[in-house]
């Protein structure tokens, strides 16, 4: 059974860093693209970063240069390193499979996308 489980969220001060992890089970991670999305209160879910099976990455403009996505297929893990965090990064963060890492984050998800339960990130002093 396909499962994704995010971890690593919590409270961080502005300017700080945090690493989120996504544990994959029930499928062979090597063959799939994985994306991170986030949803802030009162806002729609948005794509943050995507990594395909060749480890090619795409990022939303709002996080370019601050966030880094990576994968470790042997450990069945995908990571999101977040640096220089600000209040606008406060959101629930989700990892997802059955995505396509096209140039536009608006095109990554489809009706076939499977989601983890999410982990909450709060950026506040």
Protein backbone atom coordinates (compact mmCIF):
# COMPACT_ATOMS: atom_id res chain seq x y z
CA UNK A 1 0.00 0.00 0.00
CA UNK A 2 1.46 3.32 -1.09
CA UNK A 3 2.20 5.64 1.82
CA UNK A 4 3.98 8.94 2.32
CA UNK A 5 4.83 10.35 5.72
CA UNK A 6 6.22 13.81 6.32
CA UNK A 7 8.25 14.78 9.37
CA UNK A 8 10.49 17.57 10.61
CA UNK A 9 8.00 20.41 10.94
CA UNK A 10 7.70 22.72 13.91
CA UNK A 11 8.44 26.25 15.03
CA UNK A 12 11.41 28.17 13.64
CA UNK A 13 12.48 31.79 13.92
CA UNK A 14 12.60 34.07 10.89
CA UNK A 15 15.87 33.62 9.08
CA UNK A 16 16.23 30.11 10.42
CA UNK A 17 16.46 26.74 8.69
CA UNK A 18 14.54 23.50 8.80
CA UNK A 19 14.69 20.20 6.99
CA UNK A 20 11.56 18.27 6.16
CA UNK A 21 11.62 14.56 5.40
CA UNK A 22 9.23 12.43 3.40
CA UNK A 23 9.33 8.69 3.97
CA UNK A 24 7.99 6.59 1.09
CA UNK A 25 6.65 3.07 1.42
CA UNK A 26 4.60 0.65 -0.64
CA UNK A 27 6.24 1.57 -3.94
CA UNK A 28 9.70 1.77 -5.51
CA UNK A 29 10.76 5.37 -4.98
CA UNK A 30 13.47 5.13 -7.67
CA UNK A 31 10.92 5.23 -10.48
CA UNK A 32 8.86 8.19 -9.33
CA UNK A 33 8.92 11.95 -9.18
CA UNK A 34 8.16 13.46 -5.79
CA UNK A 35 6.98 16.97 -5.07
CA UNK A 36 6.56 19.13 -2.00
CA UNK A 37 3.50 21.33 -1.70
CA UNK A 38 2.33 23.69 1.00
CA UNK A 39 -0.92 25.26 2.08
CA UNK A 40 -1.08 28.35 4.25
CA UNK A 41 -4.23 29.26 6.19
CA UNK A 42 -6.85 30.71 3.89
CA UNK A 43 -4.80 29.98 0.78
CA UNK A 44 -4.80 27.31 -1.89
CA UNK A 45 -2.23 24.54 -1.88
CA UNK A 46 0.81 25.46 -3.98
CA UNK A 47 3.76 23.57 -5.38
CA UNK A 48 7.08 24.27 -3.68
CA UNK A 49 9.62 21.90 -5.22
CA UNK A 50 9.72 18.81 -7.39
CA UNK A 51 12.37 16.18 -8.11
CA UNK A 52 12.08 13.60 -10.84
CA UNK A 53 13.61 10.12 -10.99
CA UNK A 54 16.73 11.55 -12.61
CA UNK A 55 17.07 13.99 -9.69
CA UNK A 56 16.26 16.96 -11.89
CA UNK A 57 14.62 19.63 -9.77
CA UNK A 58 12.15 22.48 -10.15
CA UNK A 59 11.20 25.17 -7.66
CA UNK A 60 8.51 27.74 -7.17
CA UNK A 61 9.85 31.25 -7.71
CA UNK A 62 9.07 32.12 -4.09
CA UNK A 63 11.57 29.56 -2.75
CA UNK A 64 14.30 29.51 -5.39
CA UNK A 65 17.71 29.97 -3.83
CA UNK A 66 16.36 29.21 -0.34
CA UNK A 67 14.95 25.68 -0.56
CA UNK A 68 16.67 22.53 -1.81
CA UNK A 69 14.96 19.25 -2.60
CA UNK A 70 16.90 15.99 -2.61
CA UNK A 71 16.28 12.28 -2.60
CA UNK A 72 17.90 9.15 -1.21
CA UNK A 73 16.34 6.21 -2.99
CA UNK A 74 18.23 3.67 -0.92
CA UNK A 75 16.66 5.10 2.24
CA UNK A 76 13.32 5.67 0.50
CA UNK A 77 13.44 9.32 1.56
CA UNK A 78 12.94 12.72 -0.01
CA UNK A 79 14.08 15.86 1.79
CA UNK A 80 13.31 19.55 1.65
CA UNK A 81 16.01 21.78 3.12
CA UNK A 82 14.55 25.20 3.85
CA UNK A 83 16.82 28.16 4.61
CA UNK A 84 16.20 31.86 5.23
CA UNK A 85 12.67 31.13 6.32
CA UNK A 86 10.18 33.95 6.69
CA UNK A 87 6.61 34.29 7.88
CA UNK A 88 5.27 33.71 4.39
CA UNK A 89 6.67 30.17 4.55
CA UNK A 90 4.32 29.28 7.39
CA UNK A 91 2.10 26.49 6.10
CA UNK A 92 1.30 22.82 6.19
CA UNK A 93 3.80 21.02 3.96
CA UNK A 94 2.89 17.90 2.02
CA UNK A 95 4.90 15.49 -0.08
CA UNK A 96 3.23 13.87 -3.04
CA UNK A 97 3.79 11.13 -5.60
CA UNK A 98 2.27 10.61 -9.04
CA UNK A 99 3.35 14.11 -10.01
CA UNK A 100 5.06 15.52 -13.08
CA UNK A 101 7.93 17.94 -12.53
CA UNK A 102 7.07 20.36 -15.28
CA UNK A 103 8.40 23.90 -15.24
CA UNK A 104 5.24 25.37 -13.71
CA UNK A 105 4.33 24.26 -10.18
CA UNK A 106 0.67 24.67 -11.15
CA UNK A 107 1.03 21.63 -13.40
CA UNK A 108 2.72 19.17 -11.02
CA UNK A 109 -0.36 17.59 -9.45
CA UNK A 110 -3.20 15.74 -11.11
CA UNK A 111 -6.20 13.75 -10.03
CA UNK A 112 -3.87 10.76 -9.71
CA UNK A 113 -1.59 12.46 -7.19
CA UNK A 114 -1.26 10.78 -3.80
CA UNK A 115 -0.55 12.88 -0.73
CA UNK A 116 1.00 12.47 2.67
CA UNK A 117 -0.85 13.75 5.74
CA UNK A 118 1.39 16.83 6.00
CA UNK A 119 3.59 18.49 8.58
CA UNK A 120 3.12 21.97 9.90
CA UNK A 121 5.85 24.63 9.69
CA UNK A 122 5.49 27.86 11.66
CA UNK A 123 7.94 30.69 11.14
CA UNK A 124 7.63 33.14 14.01
CA UNK A 125 9.69 34.96 16.60
